[in-house]
ModelCIF file with pLDDT and N, C-alpha, C, O atoms, coordinates in Angstrom:
data_MODEL
#
_entry.id   MODEL 
#
_entity.id                         1 
_entity.type                       polymer 
_entity.pdbx_number_of_molecules   1 
#
_entity_poly.entity_id                      1 
_entity_poly.type                           'polypeptide(L)' 
_entity_poly.nstd_linkage                   no 
_entity_poly.nstd_monomer                   no 
_entity_poly.pdbx_seq_one_letter_code       LLSAAELNKIDPNSLKLVSLNPSACSQTTKDILYAKAKRAFSDQHN 
_entity_poly.pdbx_seq_one_letter_code_can   LLSAAELNKIDPNSLKLVSLNPSACSQTTKDILYAKAKRAFSDQHN 
_entity_poly.pdbx_strand_id                 A 
#
loop_
_entity_poly_seq.entity_id 
_entity_poly_seq.num 
_entity_poly_seq.mon_id 
_entity_poly_seq.hetero 
1 1  LEU n 
1 2  LEU n 
1 3  SER n 
1 4  ALA n 
1 5  ALA n 
1 6  GLU n 
1 7  LEU n 
1 8  ASN n 
1 9  LYS n 
1 10 ILE n 
1 11 ASP n 
1 12 PRO n 
1 13 ASN n 
1 14 SER n 
1 15 LEU n 
1 16 LYS n 
1 17 LEU n 
1 18 VAL n 
1 19 SER n 
1 20 LEU n 
1 21 ASN n 
1 22 PRO n 
1 23 SER n 
1 24 ALA n 
1 25 CYS n 
1 26 SER n 
1 27 GLN n 
1 28 THR n 
1 29 THR n 
1 30 LYS n 
1 31 ASP n 
1 32 ILE n 
1 33 LEU n 
1 34 TYR n 
1 35 ALA n 
1 36 LYS n 
1 37 ALA n 
1 38 LYS n 
1 39 ARG n 
1 40 ALA n 
1 41 PHE n 
1 42 SER n 
1 43 ASP n 
1 44 GLN n 
1 45 HIS n 
1 46 ASN n 
#
_struct_asym.id          A 
_struct_asym.entity_id   1 
#
loop_
_ma_qa_metric.id 
_ma_qa_metric.mode 
_ma_qa_metric.name 
_ma_qa_metric.software_group_id 
_ma_qa_metric.type 
1 global pLDDT . pLDDT 
2 local  pLDDT . pLDDT 
#
_ma_qa_metric_global.metric_id      1 
_ma_qa_metric_global.metric_value   94.57 
_ma_qa_metric_global.model_id       1 
_ma_qa_metric_global.ordinal_id     1 
#
loop_
_ma_qa_metric_local.label_asym_id 
_ma_qa_metric_local.label_comp_id 
_ma_qa_metric_local.label_seq_id 
_ma_qa_metric_local.metric_id 
_ma_qa_metric_local.metric_value 
_ma_qa_metric_local.model_id 
_ma_qa_metric_local.ordinal_id 
A LEU 1  2 95.00 1 1  
A LEU 2  2 95.00 1 2  
A SER 3  2 94.00 1 3  
A ALA 4  2 95.00 1 4  
A ALA 5  2 93.00 1 5  
A GLU 6  2 94.00 1 6  
A LEU 7  2 95.00 1 7  
A ASN 8  2 94.00 1 8  
A LYS 9  2 91.00 1 9  
A ILE 10 2 94.00 1 10 
A ASP 11 2 93.00 1 11 
A PRO 12 2 95.00 1 12 
A ASN 13 2 94.00 1 13 
A SER 14 2 95.00 1 14 
A LEU 15 2 95.00 1 15 
A LYS 16 2 94.00 1 16 
A LEU 17 2 95.00 1 17 
A VAL 18 2 95.00 1 18 
A SER 19 2 91.00 1 19 
A LEU 20 2 95.00 1 20 
A ASN 21 2 95.00 1 21 
A PRO 22 2 96.00 1 22 
A SER 23 2 94.00 1 23 
A ALA 24 2 95.00 1 24 
A CYS 25 2 97.00 1 25 
A SER 26 2 97.00 1 26 
A GLN 27 2 97.00 1 27 
A THR 28 2 97.00 1 28 
A THR 29 2 97.00 1 29 
A LYS 30 2 98.00 1 30 
A ASP 31 2 98.00 1 31 
A ILE 32 2 98.00 1 32 
A LEU 33 2 98.00 1 33 
A TYR 34 2 98.00 1 34 
A ALA 35 2 97.00 1 35 
A LYS 36 2 97.00 1 36 
A ALA 37 2 97.00 1 37 
A LYS 38 2 96.00 1 38 
A ARG 39 2 96.00 1 39 
A ALA 40 2 95.00 1 40 
A PHE 41 2 95.00 1 41 
A SER 42 2 93.00 1 42 
A ASP 43 2 90.00 1 43 
A GLN 44 2 90.00 1 44 
A HIS 45 2 84.00 1 45 
A ASN 46 2 83.00 1 46 
#
loop_
_atom_site.group_PDB 
_atom_site.id 
_atom_site.type_symbol 
_atom_site.label_atom_id 
_atom_site.label_alt_id 
_atom_site.label_comp_id 
_atom_site.label_asym_id 
_atom_site.label_entity_id 
_atom_site.label_seq_id 
_atom_site.pdbx_PDB_ins_code 
_atom_site.Cartn_x 
_atom_site.Cartn_y 
_atom_site.Cartn_z 
_atom_site.occupancy 
_atom_site.B_iso_or_equiv 
_atom_site.pdbx_formal_charge 
_atom_site.auth_seq_id 
_atom_site.auth_comp_id 
_atom_site.auth_asym_id 
_atom_site.auth_atom_id 
_atom_site.pdbx_PDB_model_num 
ATOM 1   N N  . LEU A 1 1  ? 104.589 148.629 -111.043 1.00 95.00 ? 1  LEU A N  1 
ATOM 2   C CA . LEU A 1 1  ? 104.834 148.378 -112.465 1.00 95.00 ? 1  LEU A CA 1 
ATOM 3   C C  . LEU A 1 1  ? 104.293 149.494 -113.352 1.00 95.00 ? 1  LEU A C  1 
ATOM 4   O O  . LEU A 1 1  ? 104.656 149.585 -114.524 1.00 95.00 ? 1  LEU A O  1 
ATOM 5   N N  . LEU A 1 2  ? 103.437 150.332 -112.806 1.00 95.00 ? 2  LEU A N  1 
ATOM 6   C CA . LEU A 1 2  ? 102.839 151.400 -113.601 1.00 95.00 ? 2  LEU A CA 1 
ATOM 7   C C  . LEU A 1 2  ? 103.886 152.450 -113.958 1.00 95.00 ? 2  LEU A C  1 
ATOM 8   O O  . LEU A 1 2  ? 104.690 152.852 -113.117 1.00 95.00 ? 2  LEU A O  1 
ATOM 9   N N  . SER A 1 3  ? 103.867 152.882 -115.198 1.00 94.00 ? 3  SER A N  1 
ATOM 10  C CA . SER A 1 3  ? 104.791 153.930 -115.646 1.00 94.00 ? 3  SER A CA 1 
ATOM 11  C C  . SER A 1 3  ? 104.281 155.288 -115.177 1.00 94.00 ? 3  SER A C  1 
ATOM 12  O O  . SER A 1 3  ? 103.142 155.412 -114.725 1.00 94.00 ? 3  SER A O  1 
ATOM 13  N N  . ALA A 1 4  ? 105.133 156.300 -115.287 1.00 95.00 ? 4  ALA A N  1 
ATOM 14  C CA . ALA A 1 4  ? 104.736 157.656 -114.890 1.00 95.00 ? 4  ALA A CA 1 
ATOM 15  C C  . ALA A 1 4  ? 103.542 158.124 -115.718 1.00 95.00 ? 4  ALA A C  1 
ATOM 16  O O  . ALA A 1 4  ? 102.630 158.762 -115.193 1.00 95.00 ? 4  ALA A O  1 
ATOM 17  N N  . ALA A 1 5  ? 103.550 157.806 -117.016 1.00 93.00 ? 5  ALA A N  1 
ATOM 18  C CA . ALA A 1 5  ? 102.444 158.207 -117.889 1.00 93.00 ? 5  ALA A CA 1 
ATOM 19  C C  . ALA A 1 5  ? 101.145 157.554 -117.444 1.00 93.00 ? 5  ALA A C  1 
ATOM 20  O O  . ALA A 1 5  ? 100.095 158.198 -117.435 1.00 93.00 ? 5  ALA A O  1 
ATOM 21  N N  . GLU A 1 6  ? 101.208 156.279 -117.075 1.00 94.00 ? 6  GLU A N  1 
ATOM 22  C CA . GLU A 1 6  ? 100.005 155.566 -116.620 1.00 94.00 ? 6  GLU A CA 1 
ATOM 23  C C  . GLU A 1 6  ? 99.531  156.112 -115.274 1.00 94.00 ? 6  GLU A C  1 
ATOM 24  O O  . GLU A 1 6  ? 98.330  156.283 -115.061 1.00 94.00 ? 6  GLU A O  1 
ATOM 25  N N  . LEU A 1 7  ? 100.461 156.384 -114.374 1.00 95.00 ? 7  LEU A N  1 
ATOM 26  C CA . LEU A 1 7  ? 100.103 156.922 -113.063 1.00 95.00 ? 7  LEU A CA 1 
ATOM 27  C C  . LEU A 1 7  ? 99.409  158.274 -113.187 1.00 95.00 ? 7  LEU A C  1 
ATOM 28  O O  . LEU A 1 7  ? 98.462  158.566 -112.456 1.00 95.00 ? 7  LEU A O  1 
ATOM 29  N N  . ASN A 1 8  ? 99.884  159.088 -114.113 1.00 94.00 ? 8  ASN A N  1 
ATOM 30  C CA . ASN A 1 8  ? 99.309  160.426 -114.282 1.00 94.00 ? 8  ASN A CA 1 
ATOM 31  C C  . ASN A 1 8  ? 97.885  160.393 -114.824 1.00 94.00 ? 8  ASN A C  1 
ATOM 32  O O  . ASN A 1 8  ? 97.165  161.387 -114.735 1.00 94.00 ? 8  ASN A O  1 
ATOM 33  N N  . LYS A 1 9  ? 97.475  159.258 -115.385 1.00 91.00 ? 9  LYS A N  1 
ATOM 34  C CA . LYS A 1 9  ? 96.115  159.123 -115.912 1.00 91.00 ? 9  LYS A CA 1 
ATOM 35  C C  . LYS A 1 9  ? 95.102  158.724 -114.838 1.00 91.00 ? 9  LYS A C  1 
ATOM 36  O O  . LYS A 1 9  ? 93.896  158.728 -115.084 1.00 91.00 ? 9  LYS A O  1 
ATOM 37  N N  . ILE A 1 10 ? 95.596  158.381 -113.648 1.00 94.00 ? 10 ILE A N  1 
ATOM 38  C CA . ILE A 1 10 ? 94.699  157.952 -112.569 1.00 94.00 ? 10 ILE A CA 1 
ATOM 39  C C  . ILE A 1 10 ? 93.879  159.124 -112.050 1.00 94.00 ? 10 ILE A C  1 
ATOM 40  O O  . ILE A 1 10 ? 94.420  160.191 -111.760 1.00 94.00 ? 10 ILE A O  1 
ATOM 41  N N  . ASP A 1 11 ? 92.591  158.925 -111.938 1.00 93.00 ? 11 ASP A N  1 
ATOM 42  C CA . ASP A 1 11 ? 91.717  159.937 -111.338 1.00 93.00 ? 11 ASP A CA 1 
ATOM 43  C C  . ASP A 1 11 ? 91.946  159.896 -109.826 1.00 93.00 ? 11 ASP A C  1 
ATOM 44  O O  . ASP A 1 11 ? 91.754  158.843 -109.217 1.00 93.00 ? 11 ASP A O  1 
ATOM 45  N N  . PRO A 1 12 ? 92.349  161.009 -109.201 1.00 95.00 ? 12 PRO A N  1 
ATOM 46  C CA . PRO A 1 12 ? 92.615  161.009 -107.754 1.00 95.00 ? 12 PRO A CA 1 
ATOM 47  C C  . PRO A 1 12 ? 91.475  160.418 -106.931 1.00 95.00 ? 12 PRO A C  1 
ATOM 48  O O  . PRO A 1 12 ? 91.725  159.750 -105.928 1.00 95.00 ? 12 PRO A O  1 
ATOM 49  N N  . ASN A 1 13 ? 90.235  160.651 -107.335 1.00 94.00 ? 13 ASN A N  1 
ATOM 50  C CA . ASN A 1 13 ? 89.093  160.148 -106.566 1.00 94.00 ? 13 ASN A CA 1 
ATOM 51  C C  . ASN A 1 13 ? 89.050  158.630 -106.522 1.00 94.00 ? 13 ASN A C  1 
ATOM 52  O O  . ASN A 1 13 ? 88.415  158.049 -105.642 1.00 94.00 ? 13 ASN A O  1 
ATOM 53  N N  . SER A 1 14 ? 89.727  157.979 -107.474 1.00 95.00 ? 14 SER A N  1 
ATOM 54  C CA . SER A 1 14 ? 89.758  156.517 -107.469 1.00 95.00 ? 14 SER A CA 1 
ATOM 55  C C  . SER A 1 14 ? 90.494  155.985 -106.247 1.00 95.00 ? 14 SER A C  1 
ATOM 56  O O  . SER A 1 14 ? 90.218  154.880 -105.780 1.00 95.00 ? 14 SER A O  1 
ATOM 57  N N  . LEU A 1 15 ? 91.439  156.781 -105.728 1.00 95.00 ? 15 LEU A N  1 
ATOM 58  C CA . LEU A 1 15 ? 92.218  156.330 -104.578 1.00 95.00 ? 15 LEU A CA 1 
ATOM 59  C C  . LEU A 1 15 ? 91.383  156.247 -103.308 1.00 95.00 ? 15 LEU A C  1 
ATOM 60  O O  . LEU A 1 15 ? 91.794  155.618 -102.333 1.00 95.00 ? 15 LEU A O  1 
ATOM 61  N N  . LYS A 1 16 ? 90.217  156.875 -103.315 1.00 94.00 ? 16 LYS A N  1 
ATOM 62  C CA . LYS A 1 16 ? 89.331  156.792 -102.155 1.00 94.00 ? 16 LYS A CA 1 
ATOM 63  C C  . LYS A 1 16 ? 88.717  155.403 -102.020 1.00 94.00 ? 16 LYS A C  1 
ATOM 64  O O  . LYS A 1 16 ? 88.266  155.013 -100.943 1.00 94.00 ? 16 LYS A O  1 
ATOM 65  N N  . LEU A 1 17 ? 88.704  154.663 -103.123 1.00 95.00 ? 17 LEU A N  1 
ATOM 66  C CA . LEU A 1 17 ? 87.994  153.386 -103.158 1.00 95.00 ? 17 LEU A CA 1 
ATOM 67  C C  . LEU A 1 17 ? 88.915  152.174 -103.161 1.00 95.00 ? 17 LEU A C  1 
ATOM 68  O O  . LEU A 1 17 ? 88.449  151.037 -103.236 1.00 95.00 ? 17 LEU A O  1 
ATOM 69  N N  . VAL A 1 18 ? 90.219  152.411 -103.081 1.00 95.00 ? 18 VAL A N  1 
ATOM 70  C CA . VAL A 1 18 ? 91.172  151.293 -103.112 1.00 95.00 ? 18 VAL A CA 1 
ATOM 71  C C  . VAL A 1 18 ? 92.145  151.406 -101.949 1.00 95.00 ? 18 VAL A C  1 
ATOM 72  O O  . VAL A 1 18 ? 92.250  152.446 -101.299 1.00 95.00 ? 18 VAL A O  1 
ATOM 73  N N  . SER A 1 19 ? 92.851  150.314 -101.704 1.00 91.00 ? 19 SER A N  1 
ATOM 74  C CA . SER A 1 19 ? 93.863  150.297 -100.652 1.00 91.00 ? 19 SER A CA 1 
ATOM 75  C C  . SER A 1 19 ? 95.207  149.976 -101.288 1.00 91.00 ? 19 SER A C  1 
ATOM 76  O O  . SER A 1 19 ? 95.474  148.828 -101.643 1.00 91.00 ? 19 SER A O  1 
ATOM 77  N N  . LEU A 1 20 ? 96.051  150.991 -101.432 1.00 95.00 ? 20 LEU A N  1 
ATOM 78  C CA . LEU A 1 20 ? 97.359  150.836 -102.039 1.00 95.00 ? 20 LEU A CA 1 
ATOM 79  C C  . LEU A 1 20 ? 98.450  151.264 -101.061 1.00 95.00 ? 20 LEU A C  1 
ATOM 80  O O  . LEU A 1 20 ? 98.228  152.110 -100.194 1.00 95.00 ? 20 LEU A O  1 
ATOM 81  N N  . ASN A 1 21 ? 99.619  150.674 -101.210 1.00 95.00 ? 21 ASN A N  1 
ATOM 82  C CA . ASN A 1 21 ? 100.780 151.086 -100.415 1.00 95.00 ? 21 ASN A CA 1 
ATOM 83  C C  . ASN A 1 21 ? 102.004 151.060 -101.327 1.00 95.00 ? 21 ASN A C  1 
ATOM 84  O O  . ASN A 1 21 ? 102.602 150.005 -101.537 1.00 95.00 ? 21 ASN A O  1 
ATOM 85  N N  . PRO A 1 22 ? 102.380 152.230 -101.873 1.00 96.00 ? 22 PRO A N  1 
ATOM 86  C CA . PRO A 1 22 ? 103.499 152.295 -102.819 1.00 96.00 ? 22 PRO A CA 1 
ATOM 87  C C  . PRO A 1 22 ? 104.866 152.461 -102.169 1.00 96.00 ? 22 PRO A C  1 
ATOM 88  O O  . PRO A 1 22 ? 105.806 152.892 -102.836 1.00 96.00 ? 22 PRO A O  1 
ATOM 89  N N  . SER A 1 23 ? 105.002 152.133 -100.892 1.00 94.00 ? 23 SER A N  1 
ATOM 90  C CA . SER A 1 23 ? 106.253 152.392 -100.174 1.00 94.00 ? 23 SER A CA 1 
ATOM 91  C C  . SER A 1 23 ? 107.449 151.644 -100.765 1.00 94.00 ? 23 SER A C  1 
ATOM 92  O O  . SER A 1 23 ? 108.592 152.055 -100.566 1.00 94.00 ? 23 SER A O  1 
ATOM 93  N N  . ALA A 1 24 ? 107.198 150.556 -101.487 1.00 95.00 ? 24 ALA A N  1 
ATOM 94  C CA . ALA A 1 24 ? 108.302 149.796 -102.083 1.00 95.00 ? 24 ALA A CA 1 
ATOM 95  C C  . ALA A 1 24 ? 108.589 150.222 -103.519 1.00 95.00 ? 24 ALA A C  1 
ATOM 96  O O  . ALA A 1 24 ? 109.467 149.654 -104.168 1.00 95.00 ? 24 ALA A O  1 
ATOM 97  N N  . CYS A 1 25 ? 107.866 151.203 -104.015 1.00 97.00 ? 25 CYS A N  1 
ATOM 98  C CA . CYS A 1 25 ? 108.005 151.634 -105.408 1.00 97.00 ? 25 CYS A CA 1 
ATOM 99  C C  . CYS A 1 25 ? 109.133 152.653 -105.568 1.00 97.00 ? 25 CYS A C  1 
ATOM 100 O O  . CYS A 1 25 ? 109.771 153.052 -104.594 1.00 97.00 ? 25 CYS A O  1 
ATOM 101 N N  . SER A 1 26 ? 109.363 153.059 -106.804 1.00 97.00 ? 26 SER A N  1 
ATOM 102 C CA . SER A 1 26 ? 110.368 154.082 -107.088 1.00 97.00 ? 26 SER A CA 1 
ATOM 103 C C  . SER A 1 26 ? 109.917 155.417 -106.502 1.00 97.00 ? 26 SER A C  1 
ATOM 104 O O  . SER A 1 26 ? 108.739 155.609 -106.199 1.00 97.00 ? 26 SER A O  1 
ATOM 105 N N  . GLN A 1 27 ? 110.872 156.340 -106.346 1.00 97.00 ? 27 GLN A N  1 
ATOM 106 C CA . GLN A 1 27 ? 110.524 157.644 -105.800 1.00 97.00 ? 27 GLN A CA 1 
ATOM 107 C C  . GLN A 1 27 ? 109.559 158.398 -106.710 1.00 97.00 ? 27 GLN A C  1 
ATOM 108 O O  . GLN A 1 27 ? 108.688 159.120 -106.226 1.00 97.00 ? 27 GLN A O  1 
ATOM 109 N N  . THR A 1 28 ? 109.706 158.236 -108.010 1.00 97.00 ? 28 THR A N  1 
ATOM 110 C CA . THR A 1 28 ? 108.793 158.894 -108.956 1.00 97.00 ? 28 THR A CA 1 
ATOM 111 C C  . THR A 1 28 ? 107.363 158.425 -108.732 1.00 97.00 ? 28 THR A C  1 
ATOM 112 O O  . THR A 1 28 ? 106.437 159.235 -108.695 1.00 97.00 ? 28 THR A O  1 
ATOM 113 N N  . THR A 1 29 ? 107.181 157.108 -108.582 1.00 97.00 ? 29 THR A N  1 
ATOM 114 C CA . THR A 1 29 ? 105.843 156.549 -108.334 1.00 97.00 ? 29 THR A CA 1 
ATOM 115 C C  . THR A 1 29 ? 105.274 157.084 -107.036 1.00 97.00 ? 29 THR A C  1 
ATOM 116 O O  . THR A 1 29 ? 104.106 157.467 -106.979 1.00 97.00 ? 29 THR A O  1 
ATOM 117 N N  . LYS A 1 30 ? 106.092 157.116 -105.987 1.00 98.00 ? 30 LYS A N  1 
ATOM 118 C CA . LYS A 1 30 ? 105.613 157.607 -104.691 1.00 98.00 ? 30 LYS A CA 1 
ATOM 119 C C  . LYS A 1 30 ? 105.242 159.089 -104.755 1.00 98.00 ? 30 LYS A C  1 
ATOM 120 O O  . LYS A 1 30 ? 104.253 159.510 -104.156 1.00 98.00 ? 30 LYS A O  1 
ATOM 121 N N  . ASP A 1 31 ? 106.030 159.874 -105.477 1.00 98.00 ? 31 ASP A N  1 
ATOM 122 C CA . ASP A 1 31 ? 105.751 161.310 -105.600 1.00 98.00 ? 31 ASP A CA 1 
ATOM 123 C C  . ASP A 1 31 ? 104.413 161.554 -106.308 1.00 98.00 ? 31 ASP A C  1 
ATOM 124 O O  . ASP A 1 31 ? 103.608 162.377 -105.871 1.00 98.00 ? 31 ASP A O  1 
ATOM 125 N N  . ILE A 1 32 ? 104.190 160.824 -107.410 1.00 98.00 ? 32 ILE A N  1 
ATOM 126 C CA . ILE A 1 32 ? 102.960 161.009 -108.183 1.00 98.00 ? 32 ILE A CA 1 
ATOM 127 C C  . ILE A 1 32 ? 101.735 160.580 -107.383 1.00 98.00 ? 32 ILE A C  1 
ATOM 128 O O  . ILE A 1 32 ? 100.730 161.290 -107.346 1.00 98.00 ? 32 ILE A O  1 
ATOM 129 N N  . LEU A 1 33 ? 101.822 159.411 -106.742 1.00 98.00 ? 33 LEU A N  1 
ATOM 130 C CA . LEU A 1 33 ? 100.670 158.906 -105.998 1.00 98.00 ? 33 LEU A CA 1 
ATOM 131 C C  . LEU A 1 33 ? 100.393 159.734 -104.748 1.00 98.00 ? 33 LEU A C  1 
ATOM 132 O O  . LEU A 1 33 ? 99.238  159.874 -104.345 1.00 98.00 ? 33 LEU A O  1 
ATOM 133 N N  . TYR A 1 34 ? 101.441 160.288 -104.126 1.00 98.00 ? 34 TYR A N  1 
ATOM 134 C CA . TYR A 1 34 ? 101.189 161.153 -102.970 1.00 98.00 ? 34 TYR A CA 1 
ATOM 135 C C  . TYR A 1 34 ? 100.407 162.384 -103.385 1.00 98.00 ? 34 TYR A C  1 
ATOM 136 O O  . TYR A 1 34 ? 99.445  162.763 -102.717 1.00 98.00 ? 34 TYR A O  1 
ATOM 137 N N  . ALA A 1 35 ? 100.808 163.012 -104.480 1.00 97.00 ? 35 ALA A N  1 
ATOM 138 C CA . ALA A 1 35 ? 100.116 164.215 -104.946 1.00 97.00 ? 35 ALA A CA 1 
ATOM 139 C C  . ALA A 1 35 ? 98.647  163.914 -105.245 1.00 97.00 ? 35 ALA A C  1 
ATOM 140 O O  . ALA A 1 35 ? 97.770  164.729 -104.958 1.00 97.00 ? 35 ALA A O  1 
ATOM 141 N N  . LYS A 1 36 ? 98.384  162.734 -105.825 1.00 97.00 ? 36 LYS A N  1 
ATOM 142 C CA . LYS A 1 36 ? 97.004  162.365 -106.143 1.00 97.00 ? 36 LYS A CA 1 
ATOM 143 C C  . LYS A 1 36 ? 96.217  162.032 -104.878 1.00 97.00 ? 36 LYS A C  1 
ATOM 144 O O  . LYS A 1 36 ? 95.045  162.389 -104.763 1.00 97.00 ? 36 LYS A O  1 
ATOM 145 N N  . ALA A 1 37 ? 96.863  161.346 -103.923 1.00 97.00 ? 37 ALA A N  1 
ATOM 146 C CA . ALA A 1 37 ? 96.191  161.025 -102.664 1.00 97.00 ? 37 ALA A CA 1 
ATOM 147 C C  . ALA A 1 37 ? 95.875  162.289 -101.872 1.00 97.00 ? 37 ALA A C  1 
ATOM 148 O O  . ALA A 1 37 ? 94.821  162.387 -101.242 1.00 97.00 ? 37 ALA A O  1 
ATOM 149 N N  . LYS A 1 38 ? 96.785  163.251 -101.905 1.00 96.00 ? 38 LYS A N  1 
ATOM 150 C CA . LYS A 1 38 ? 96.559  164.517 -101.204 1.00 96.00 ? 38 LYS A CA 1 
ATOM 151 C C  . LYS A 1 38 ? 95.326  165.222 -101.759 1.00 96.00 ? 38 LYS A C  1 
ATOM 152 O O  . LYS A 1 38 ? 94.521  165.769 -101.006 1.00 96.00 ? 38 LYS A O  1 
ATOM 153 N N  . ARG A 1 39 ? 95.187  165.202 -103.083 1.00 96.00 ? 39 ARG A N  1 
ATOM 154 C CA . ARG A 1 39 ? 94.002  165.789 -103.722 1.00 96.00 ? 39 ARG A CA 1 
ATOM 155 C C  . ARG A 1 39 ? 92.753  164.999 -103.377 1.00 96.00 ? 39 ARG A C  1 
ATOM 156 O O  . ARG A 1 39 ? 91.703  165.576 -103.094 1.00 96.00 ? 39 ARG A O  1 
ATOM 157 N N  . ALA A 1 40 ? 92.867  163.676 -103.401 1.00 95.00 ? 40 ALA A N  1 
ATOM 158 C CA . ALA A 1 40 ? 91.700  162.814 -103.169 1.00 95.00 ? 40 ALA A CA 1 
ATOM 159 C C  . ALA A 1 40 ? 91.109  163.030 -101.781 1.00 95.00 ? 40 ALA A C  1 
ATOM 160 O O  . ALA A 1 40 ? 89.889  163.035 -101.620 1.00 95.00 ? 40 ALA A O  1 
ATOM 161 N N  . PHE A 1 41 ? 91.962  163.209 -100.783 1.00 95.00 ? 41 PHE A N  1 
ATOM 162 C CA . PHE A 1 41 ? 91.490  163.308 -99.399  1.00 95.00 ? 41 PHE A CA 1 
ATOM 163 C C  . PHE A 1 41 ? 91.541  164.735 -98.855  1.00 95.00 ? 41 PHE A C  1 
ATOM 164 O O  . PHE A 1 41 ? 91.449  164.942 -97.645  1.00 95.00 ? 41 PHE A O  1 
ATOM 165 N N  . SER A 1 42 ? 91.687  165.712 -99.739  1.00 93.00 ? 42 SER A N  1 
ATOM 166 C CA . SER A 1 42 ? 91.801  167.106 -99.305  1.00 93.00 ? 42 SER A CA 1 
ATOM 167 C C  . SER A 1 42 ? 90.575  167.585 -98.540  1.00 93.00 ? 42 SER A C  1 
ATOM 168 O O  . SER A 1 42 ? 90.677  168.455 -97.675  1.00 93.00 ? 42 SER A O  1 
ATOM 169 N N  . ASP A 1 43 ? 89.413  167.014 -98.861  1.00 90.00 ? 43 ASP A N  1 
ATOM 170 C CA . ASP A 1 43 ? 88.191  167.446 -98.177  1.00 90.00 ? 43 ASP A CA 1 
ATOM 171 C C  . ASP A 1 43 ? 88.131  166.939 -96.735  1.00 90.00 ? 43 ASP A C  1 
ATOM 172 O O  . ASP A 1 43 ? 87.270  167.359 -95.961  1.00 90.00 ? 43 ASP A O  1 
ATOM 173 N N  . GLN A 1 44 ? 89.049  166.035 -96.377  1.00 90.00 ? 44 GLN A N  1 
ATOM 174 C CA . GLN A 1 44 ? 89.074  165.498 -95.010  1.00 90.00 ? 44 GLN A CA 1 
ATOM 175 C C  . GLN A 1 44 ? 90.300  165.990 -94.238  1.00 90.00 ? 44 GLN A C  1 
ATOM 176 O O  . GLN A 1 44 ? 90.642  165.445 -93.188  1.00 90.00 ? 44 GLN A O  1 
ATOM 177 N N  . HIS A 1 45 ? 90.948  167.014 -94.764  1.00 84.00 ? 45 HIS A N  1 
ATOM 178 C CA . HIS A 1 45 ? 92.230  167.450 -94.204  1.00 84.00 ? 45 HIS A CA 1 
ATOM 179 C C  . HIS A 1 45 ? 92.148  167.807 -92.733  1.00 84.00 ? 45 HIS A C  1 
ATOM 180 O O  . HIS A 1 45 ? 93.124  167.623 -92.006  1.00 84.00 ? 45 HIS A O  1 
ATOM 181 N N  . ASN A 1 46 ? 91.040  168.301 -92.285  1.00 83.00 ? 46 ASN A N  1 
ATOM 182 C CA . ASN A 1 46 ? 90.905  168.711 -90.889  1.00 83.00 ? 46 ASN A CA 1 
ATOM 183 C C  . ASN A 1 46 ? 90.284  167.632 -90.011  1.00 83.00 ? 46 ASN A C  1 
ATOM 184 O O  . ASN A 1 46 ? 90.110  167.839 -88.810  1.00 83.00 ? 46 ASN A O  1 
#
């Protein structure tokens, strides 16, 4: 239900503390959340 504007306000580090699965969302929502999740977990990439 979150709009693109609302999604863009999410601090990527917040995703480390929650369990979300946007697979049923719009492609725009999935694209935005993937970019934020990638940033959030970048320190664990290896």
